[in-house]
C-alpha atoms as a PDB file:
ATOM      1  CA  MET A   1      -6.847  42.915   3.399  1.00  0.00           C
ATOM      2  CA  LEU A   2      -3.130  41.704   2.221  1.00  0.00           C
ATOM      3  CA  ALA A   3      -2.661  39.928   5.600  1.00  0.00           C
ATOM      4  CA  ILE A   4      -5.541  37.471   5.623  1.00  0.00           C
ATOM      5  CA  GLY A   5      -5.005  37.063   2.138  1.00  0.00           C
ATOM      6  CA  ALA A   6      -1.314  36.156   2.554  1.00  0.00           C
ATOM      7  CA  MET A   7      -2.459  33.958   5.936  1.00  0.00           C
ATOM      8  CA  PHE A   8      -5.347  32.258   3.881  1.00  0.00           C
ATOM      9  CA  GLY A   9      -3.768  32.004   0.498  1.00  0.00           C
ATOM     10  CA  PRO A  10      -2.476  28.702   1.363  1.00  0.00           C
ATOM     11  CA  LEU A  11      -6.153  27.168   2.053  1.00  0.00           C
ATOM     12  CA  ILE A  12      -7.627  28.499  -0.823  1.00  0.00           C
ATOM     13  CA  HIS A  13      -4.741  27.615  -3.470  1.00  0.00           C
ATOM     14  CA  PRO A  14      -3.277  24.880  -1.902  1.00  0.00           C
ATOM     15  CA  GLN A  15      -0.223  23.438  -3.533  1.00  0.00           C
ATOM     16  CA  ALA A  16      -0.657  19.367  -4.719  1.00  0.00           C
ATOM     17  CA  ALA A  17       0.209  17.335  -1.547  1.00  0.00           C
ATOM     18  CA  MET A  18       1.767  14.383  -2.229  1.00  0.00           C
ATOM     19  CA  ALA A  19       0.480  11.162  -0.278  1.00  0.00           C
ATOM     20  CA  GLN A  20       2.966   9.709   2.029  1.00  0.00           C
ATOM     21  CA  GLU A  21       2.922   6.036   1.824  1.00  0.00           C
ATOM     22  CA  PRO A  22       2.250   4.539   5.388  1.00  0.00           C
ATOM     23  CA  VAL A  23       5.074   2.444   6.645  1.00  0.00           C
ATOM     24  CA  GLU A  24       2.520  -0.657   7.038  1.00  0.00           C
ATOM     25  CA  ALA A  25       1.821   0.083   3.236  1.00  0.00           C
ATOM     26  CA  ALA A  26       5.734   0.177   2.414  1.00  0.00           C
ATOM     27  CA  ALA A  27       6.243  -3.112   4.187  1.00  0.00           C
ATOM     28  CA  CYS A  28       3.451  -4.760   2.212  1.00  0.00           C
ATOM     29  CA  ARG A  29       4.544  -3.611  -1.062  1.00  0.00           C
ATOM     30  CA  LYS A  30       8.160  -4.872  -0.461  1.00  0.00           C
ATOM     31  CA  ALA A  31       7.227  -7.974   0.435  1.00  0.00           C
ATOM     32  CA  ALA A  32       4.808  -8.459  -2.428  1.00  0.00           C
ATOM     33  CA  ILE A  33       7.271  -7.288  -4.876  1.00  0.00           C
ATOM     34  CA  GLU A  34       9.822 -10.036  -3.325  1.00  0.00           C
ATOM     35  CA  THR A  35       7.165 -12.985  -3.035  1.00  0.00           C
ATOM     36  CA  LEU A  36       6.223 -12.375  -7.129  1.00  0.00           C
ATOM     37  CA  LYS A  37       9.709 -11.660  -8.220  1.00  0.00           C
ATOM     38  CA  GLN A  38      10.400 -15.408  -6.769  1.00  0.00           C
ATOM     39  CA  SER A  39       7.035 -17.076  -7.562  1.00  0.00           C
ATOM     40  CA  GLU A  40       7.202 -15.947 -11.150  1.00  0.00           C
ATOM     41  CA  GLY A  41      10.702 -16.708 -11.982  1.00  0.00           C
ATOM     42  CA  ASN A  42      11.845 -14.343 -15.108  1.00  0.00           C
ATOM     43  CA  SER A  43       8.731 -12.584 -15.373  1.00  0.00           C
ATOM     44  CA  PRO A  44       9.296  -9.117 -16.504  1.00  0.00           C
ATOM     45  CA  LEU A  45       7.809  -7.288 -13.156  1.00  0.00           C
ATOM     46  CA  LYS A  46       8.604  -3.939 -12.773  1.00  0.00           C
ATOM     47  CA  ASP A  47       6.588  -3.001  -9.557  1.00  0.00           C
ATOM     48  CA  VAL A  48       3.546  -2.864  -7.502  1.00  0.00           C
ATOM     49  CA  LYS A  49       1.693   0.351  -7.210  1.00  0.00           C
ATOM     50  CA  ILE A  50      -0.560   0.398  -4.195  1.00  0.00           C
ATOM     51  CA  ASP A  51      -3.516   2.951  -4.556  1.00  0.00           C
ATOM     52  CA  LEU A  52      -2.972   4.696  -1.137  1.00  0.00           C
ATOM     53  CA  ASP A  53      -6.366   6.492  -1.424  1.00  0.00           C
ATOM     54  CA  SER A  54      -7.962   3.019  -1.418  1.00  0.00           C
ATOM     55  CA  LEU A  55      -6.790   1.732   1.509  1.00  0.00           C
ATOM     56  CA  THR A  56      -7.816   0.493   4.763  1.00  0.00           C
ATOM     57  CA  ILE A  57      -5.399   0.178   7.517  1.00  0.00           C
ATOM     58  CA  ALA A  58      -7.081  -1.621  10.298  1.00  0.00           C
ATOM     59  CA  LYS A  59      -5.593  -2.406  13.398  1.00  0.00           C
ATOM     60  CA  ALA A  60      -6.195  -6.034  15.010  1.00  0.00           C
ATOM     61  CA  ASN A  61      -5.713  -8.231  17.752  1.00  0.00           C
ATOM     62  CA  ALA A  62      -6.065 -11.614  16.308  1.00  0.00           C
ATOM     63  CA  GLU A  63      -4.127 -14.910  16.037  1.00  0.00           C
ATOM     64  CA  ILE A  64      -3.752 -16.998  12.834  1.00  0.00           C
ATOM     65  CA  GLY A  65      -1.860 -20.123  13.450  1.00  0.00           C
ATOM     66  CA  GLY A  66      -0.091 -19.298  16.153  1.00  0.00           C
ATOM     67  CA  ALA A  67       0.970 -16.037  14.604  1.00  0.00           C
ATOM     68  CA  LYS A  68      -0.449 -12.594  16.140  1.00  0.00           C
ATOM     69  CA  VAL A  69      -2.016 -10.659  13.450  1.00  0.00           C
ATOM     70  CA  ALA A  70      -1.618  -6.556  14.498  1.00  0.00           C
ATOM     71  CA  THR A  71      -2.676  -4.895  11.261  1.00  0.00           C
ATOM     72  CA  VAL A  72      -4.444  -5.944   8.203  1.00  0.00           C
ATOM     73  CA  ILE A  73      -4.361  -3.805   4.780  1.00  0.00           C
ATOM     74  CA  ILE A  74      -6.801  -4.153   2.036  1.00  0.00           C
ATOM     75  CA  GLY A  75      -6.983  -1.700  -0.968  1.00  0.00           C
ATOM     76  CA  GLN A  76      -6.323  -1.653  -4.847  1.00  0.00           C
ATOM     77  CA  ALA A  77      -3.242  -2.252  -6.139  1.00  0.00           C
ATOM     78  CA  ALA A  78      -1.644  -2.727  -9.562  1.00  0.00           C
ATOM     79  CA  ILE A  79       0.808  -4.904 -10.673  1.00  0.00           C
ATOM     80  CA  GLN A  80       3.189  -3.388 -13.237  1.00  0.00           C
ATOM     81  CA  ARG A  81       5.071  -5.933 -15.745  1.00  0.00           C
ATOM     82  CA  GLU A  82       6.885  -4.865 -18.967  1.00  0.00           C
ATOM     83  CA  HIS A  83       3.726  -4.698 -21.320  1.00  0.00           C
ATOM     84  CA  SER A  84       0.924  -4.647 -18.837  1.00  0.00           C
ATOM     85  CA  ASP A  85      -0.434  -2.995 -15.792  1.00  0.00           C
ATOM     86  CA  GLU A  86      -3.201  -5.172 -13.791  1.00  0.00           C
ATOM     87  CA  PRO A  87      -5.465  -3.966 -11.121  1.00  0.00           C
ATOM     88  CA  HIS A  88      -5.954  -6.095  -8.342  1.00  0.00           C
ATOM     89  CA  THR A  89      -7.645  -6.066  -4.584  1.00  0.00           C
ATOM     90  CA  PHE A  90      -4.935  -6.259  -2.242  1.00  0.00           C
ATOM     91  CA  LEU A  91      -4.604  -7.991   1.265  1.00  0.00           C
ATOM     92  CA  CYS A  92      -2.197  -7.865   3.626  1.00  0.00           C
ATOM     93  CA  LEU A  93      -1.421  -9.102   7.014  1.00  0.00           C
ATOM     94  CA  LEU A  94       1.428  -7.757   9.360  1.00  0.00           C
ATOM     95  CA  GLY A  95       2.248  -8.630  12.828  1.00  0.00           C
ATOM     96  CA  GLU A  96       4.383  -7.073  15.423  1.00  0.00           C
ATOM     97  CA  LYS A  97       7.145  -4.577  14.440  1.00  0.00           C
ATOM     98  CA  GLU A  98       5.218  -4.446  10.859  1.00  0.00           C
ATOM     99  CA  LYS A  99       6.654  -7.839   9.932  1.00  0.00           C
ATOM    100  CA  VAL A 100       4.627  -9.078   7.078  1.00  0.00           C
ATOM    101  CA  LEU A 101       2.945 -12.389   7.521  1.00  0.00           C
ATOM    102  CA  MET A 102       1.385 -12.371   4.143  1.00  0.00           C
ATOM    103  CA  THR A 103       0.341 -10.619   1.050  1.00  0.00           C
ATOM    104  CA  PHE A 104      -2.623 -11.642  -1.228  1.00  0.00           C
ATOM    105  CA  PHE A 105      -3.644 -10.302  -4.700  1.00  0.00           C
ATOM    106  CA  THR A 106      -7.157 -11.152  -6.470  1.00  0.00           C
ATOM    107  CA  LYS A 107      -8.097  -9.703 -10.249  1.00  0.00           C
ATOM    108  CA  ARG A 108     -10.746  -7.509  -9.990  1.00  0.00           C
END
């Protein structure tokens, strides 16, 4: 019985697993931060936190304005500023090799 408990223990009492940020989401987050910092000047932007549980990552075979779209990401994100944490819906289009073509935020 001890062997069964030792073998199945992790299944019954799993340790909290940290969600791993997909490479595509990391590329979108980095591009979004750079774009927001450029467009907002000296705004106190701290970070963009993407809710990994809300993400939909879809492979695509499309073209927009001559650029091939390989991946579309949609989910929830928070734009973190010095005194606020604003929830947004997040859209990101990626081309080949995780090249970010566009990031877009809209307030919920």
